[in-house]
């Protein structure tokens, strides 16, 4: 009788371990998907910000030109 109980407990432990493994794999996949999505959004936002900065630099240079000022290399490099 003890052998049946031991076998039964081993099967239960094995089932619990398999279930835990499945839960962990699902959780890891979800985390990877979220990380990938967040990384893609961050990269897109950085690219968009870079384009906006270039547009801003261009607009500042145009305004300075219209005002009769020359953009100094320090100003245009820091903008």
N, C-alpha and C. Protein backbone atom coordinates (compact mmCIF):
# COMPACT_ATOMS: atom_id res chain seq x y z
N UNK A 1 0.82 -1.19 0.00
CA UNK A 1 0.00 0.00 0.00
C UNK A 1 0.87 1.27 0.00
N UNK A 2 1.95 1.17 0.67
CA UNK A 2 2.85 2.30 0.69
C UNK A 2 3.41 2.61 -0.69
N UNK A 3 3.64 1.63 -1.47
CA UNK A 3 4.18 1.83 -2.81
C UNK A 3 3.18 2.56 -3.69
N UNK A 4 1.91 2.24 -3.56
CA UNK A 4 0.89 2.93 -4.35
C UNK A 4 0.82 4.40 -3.96
N UNK A 5 0.91 4.62 -2.67
CA UNK A 5 0.85 6.01 -2.22
C UNK A 5 2.08 6.79 -2.69
N UNK A 6 3.24 6.18 -2.64
CA UNK A 6 4.46 6.84 -3.11
C UNK A 6 4.38 7.13 -4.60
N UNK A 7 3.88 6.16 -5.36
CA UNK A 7 3.74 6.36 -6.80
C UNK A 7 2.74 7.47 -7.08
N UNK A 8 1.69 7.48 -6.34
CA UNK A 8 0.65 8.49 -6.49
C UNK A 8 1.20 9.87 -6.18
N UNK A 9 2.00 9.98 -5.14
CA UNK A 9 2.59 11.27 -4.78
C UNK A 9 3.59 11.71 -5.83
N UNK A 10 4.35 10.77 -6.38
CA UNK A 10 5.32 11.11 -7.41
C UNK A 10 4.63 11.63 -8.66
N UNK A 11 3.53 11.00 -9.02
CA UNK A 11 2.76 11.46 -10.17
C UNK A 11 2.20 12.85 -9.91
N UNK A 12 1.71 13.07 -8.70
CA UNK A 12 1.16 14.39 -8.35
C UNK A 12 2.26 15.44 -8.39
N UNK A 13 3.44 15.09 -7.85
CA UNK A 13 4.56 16.03 -7.88
C UNK A 13 4.99 16.31 -9.31
N UNK A 14 5.03 15.28 -10.13
CA UNK A 14 5.40 15.43 -11.54
C UNK A 14 4.39 16.30 -12.27
N UNK A 15 3.10 16.09 -11.97
CA UNK A 15 2.05 16.90 -12.59
C UNK A 15 2.15 18.35 -12.16
N UNK A 16 2.43 18.57 -10.89
CA UNK A 16 2.58 19.93 -10.38
C UNK A 16 3.79 20.61 -11.01
N UNK A 17 4.87 19.84 -11.15
CA UNK A 17 6.08 20.40 -11.75
C UNK A 17 5.83 20.76 -13.22
N UNK A 18 5.13 19.90 -13.94
CA UNK A 18 4.81 20.17 -15.34
C UNK A 18 3.92 21.40 -15.46
N UNK A 19 2.96 21.51 -14.56
CA UNK A 19 2.05 22.67 -14.58
C UNK A 19 2.81 23.96 -14.27
N UNK A 20 3.70 23.87 -13.29
CA UNK A 20 4.52 25.04 -12.93
C UNK A 20 5.43 25.44 -14.09
N UNK A 21 6.00 24.44 -14.76
CA UNK A 21 6.86 24.72 -15.91
C UNK A 21 6.07 25.42 -17.01
N UNK A 22 4.86 24.94 -17.28
CA UNK A 22 4.02 25.56 -18.30
C UNK A 22 3.66 26.99 -17.94
N UNK A 23 3.34 27.21 -16.68
CA UNK A 23 3.01 28.57 -16.22
C UNK A 23 4.21 29.49 -16.39
N UNK A 24 5.39 29.01 -16.01
CA UNK A 24 6.60 29.82 -16.12
C UNK A 24 6.94 30.12 -17.59
N UNK A 25 6.79 29.13 -18.47
CA UNK A 25 7.06 29.36 -19.89
C UNK A 25 6.09 30.38 -20.48
N UNK A 26 4.82 30.28 -20.10
CA UNK A 26 3.82 31.24 -20.58
C UNK A 26 4.16 32.64 -20.08
N UNK A 27 4.53 32.73 -18.81
CA UNK A 27 4.90 34.02 -18.23
C UNK A 27 6.12 34.61 -18.93
N UNK A 28 7.11 33.78 -19.20
CA UNK A 28 8.31 34.26 -19.89
C UNK A 28 7.99 34.72 -21.31
N UNK A 29 7.14 33.99 -22.01
CA UNK A 29 6.74 34.41 -23.37
C UNK A 29 6.04 35.76 -23.32
N UNK A 30 5.14 35.93 -22.35
CA UNK A 30 4.44 37.20 -22.22
C UNK A 30 5.41 38.34 -21.93
N UNK A 31 6.36 38.09 -21.04
CA UNK A 31 7.35 39.11 -20.71
C UNK A 31 8.21 39.46 -21.93
N UNK A 32 8.61 38.44 -22.70
CA UNK A 32 9.39 38.70 -23.91
C UNK A 32 8.58 39.51 -24.90
N UNK A 33 7.31 39.18 -25.07
CA UNK A 33 6.46 39.93 -25.99
C UNK A 33 6.32 41.38 -25.55
N UNK A 34 6.11 41.57 -24.25
CA UNK A 34 5.98 42.95 -23.73
C UNK A 34 7.28 43.72 -23.90
N UNK A 35 8.40 43.05 -23.61
CA UNK A 35 9.69 43.70 -23.75
C UNK A 35 9.94 44.10 -25.20
N UNK A 36 9.63 43.19 -26.13
CA UNK A 36 9.81 43.48 -27.55
C UNK A 36 8.94 44.66 -27.98
N UNK A 37 7.67 44.65 -27.55
CA UNK A 37 6.75 45.73 -27.92
C UNK A 37 7.22 47.06 -27.34
N UNK A 38 7.64 47.04 -26.08
CA UNK A 38 8.12 48.26 -25.44
C UNK A 38 9.39 48.77 -26.12
N UNK A 39 10.28 47.86 -26.48
CA UNK A 39 11.51 48.24 -27.18
C UNK A 39 11.20 48.88 -28.53
N UNK A 40 10.27 48.29 -29.25
CA UNK A 40 9.88 48.84 -30.56
C UNK A 40 9.25 50.22 -30.41
N UNK A 41 8.41 50.38 -29.39
CA UNK A 41 7.79 51.70 -29.16
C UNK A 41 8.84 52.73 -28.78
N UNK A 42 9.77 52.32 -27.94
CA UNK A 42 10.83 53.24 -27.52
C UNK A 42 11.69 53.65 -28.71
N UNK A 43 12.05 52.69 -29.54
CA UNK A 43 12.84 53.00 -30.73
C UNK A 43 12.10 53.94 -31.66
N UNK A 44 10.80 53.70 -31.84
CA UNK A 44 9.98 54.57 -32.68
C UNK A 44 9.92 55.98 -32.11
N UNK A 45 9.74 56.08 -30.80
CA UNK A 45 9.68 57.40 -30.15
C UNK A 45 11.00 58.14 -30.27
N UNK A 46 12.11 57.42 -30.15
CA UNK A 46 13.43 58.05 -30.28
C UNK A 46 13.63 58.55 -31.71
N UNK A 47 13.24 57.73 -32.70
CA UNK A 47 13.35 58.16 -34.09
C UNK A 47 12.50 59.41 -34.36
N UNK A 48 11.28 59.40 -33.83
CA UNK A 48 10.39 60.54 -34.01
C UNK A 48 10.98 61.78 -33.34
N UNK A 49 11.55 61.62 -32.16
CA UNK A 49 12.15 62.75 -31.46
C UNK A 49 13.34 63.29 -32.26
N UNK A 50 14.12 62.40 -32.85
CA UNK A 50 15.25 62.83 -33.68
C UNK A 50 14.79 63.65 -34.86
N UNK A 51 13.70 63.22 -35.51
CA UNK A 51 13.16 63.98 -36.64
C UNK A 51 12.68 65.35 -36.19
N UNK A 52 12.03 65.40 -35.04
CA UNK A 52 11.54 66.68 -34.53
C UNK A 52 12.68 67.63 -34.20
N UNK A 53 13.75 67.08 -33.64
CA UNK A 53 14.91 67.91 -33.30
C UNK A 53 15.53 68.48 -34.58
N UNK A 54 15.65 67.66 -35.61
CA UNK A 54 16.20 68.15 -36.88
C UNK A 54 15.31 69.23 -37.47
N UNK A 55 13.99 69.04 -37.40
CA UNK A 55 13.06 70.07 -37.90
C UNK A 55 13.21 71.35 -37.09
N UNK A 56 13.36 71.22 -35.79
CA UNK A 56 13.53 72.38 -34.93
C UNK A 56 14.83 73.12 -35.27
N UNK A 57 15.91 72.37 -35.47
CA UNK A 57 17.18 73.00 -35.86
C UNK A 57 17.03 73.76 -37.17
N UNK A 58 16.33 73.15 -38.11
CA UNK A 58 16.11 73.79 -39.41
C UNK A 58 15.30 75.07 -39.24
N UNK A 59 14.24 75.02 -38.46
CA UNK A 59 13.40 76.20 -38.23
C UNK A 59 14.17 77.31 -37.53
N UNK A 60 14.99 76.96 -36.55
CA UNK A 60 15.79 77.97 -35.84
C UNK A 60 16.77 78.62 -36.80
N UNK A 61 17.40 77.81 -37.64
CA UNK A 61 18.35 78.36 -38.62
C UNK A 61 17.63 79.29 -39.60
N UNK A 62 16.43 78.92 -40.05
CA UNK A 62 15.66 79.77 -40.96
C UNK A 62 15.27 81.08 -40.28
N UNK A 63 14.83 81.01 -39.03
CA UNK A 63 14.46 82.22 -38.30
C UNK A 63 15.66 83.14 -38.11
N UNK A 64 16.80 82.55 -37.80
CA UNK A 64 18.01 83.36 -37.63
C UNK A 64 18.40 84.01 -38.96
N UNK A 65 18.24 83.28 -40.03
CA UNK A 65 18.56 83.82 -41.36
C UNK A 65 17.62 84.97 -41.70
N UNK A 66 16.34 84.80 -41.39
CA UNK A 66 15.35 85.86 -41.65
C UNK A 66 15.63 87.09 -40.80
N UNK A 67 16.16 86.86 -39.62
CA UNK A 67 16.45 87.99 -38.73
C UNK A 67 17.79 88.64 -39.07
N UNK A 68 18.49 88.10 -40.05
CA UNK A 68 19.77 88.67 -40.46
C UNK A 68 20.92 88.22 -39.58
N UNK A 69 20.72 87.19 -38.83
CA UNK A 69 21.77 86.67 -37.96
C UNK A 69 22.37 85.43 -38.59
N UNK A 70 23.63 85.23 -38.28
CA UNK A 70 24.25 83.98 -38.71
C UNK A 70 24.30 83.06 -37.51
N UNK A 71 23.97 81.81 -37.75
CA UNK A 71 24.04 80.83 -36.66
C UNK A 71 25.50 80.54 -36.40
N UNK A 72 25.90 80.74 -35.16
CA UNK A 72 27.29 80.41 -34.82
C UNK A 72 27.41 78.89 -34.74
N UNK A 73 28.60 78.40 -34.92
CA UNK A 73 28.78 76.94 -34.90
C UNK A 73 28.43 76.37 -33.54
N UNK A 74 28.65 77.14 -32.45
CA UNK A 74 28.31 76.66 -31.11
C UNK A 74 26.81 76.50 -30.96
N UNK A 75 26.05 77.46 -31.47
CA UNK A 75 24.59 77.42 -31.34
C UNK A 75 24.04 76.27 -32.18
N UNK A 76 24.47 76.15 -33.43
CA UNK A 76 23.91 75.11 -34.28
C UNK A 76 24.34 73.73 -33.83
N UNK A 77 25.50 73.59 -33.22
CA UNK A 77 25.91 72.29 -32.73
C UNK A 77 25.16 71.89 -31.48
N UNK A 78 24.82 72.87 -30.65
CA UNK A 78 24.14 72.52 -29.40
C UNK A 78 22.65 72.33 -29.57
N UNK A 79 22.11 72.81 -30.67
CA UNK A 79 20.67 72.69 -30.90
C UNK A 79 20.32 71.35 -31.42
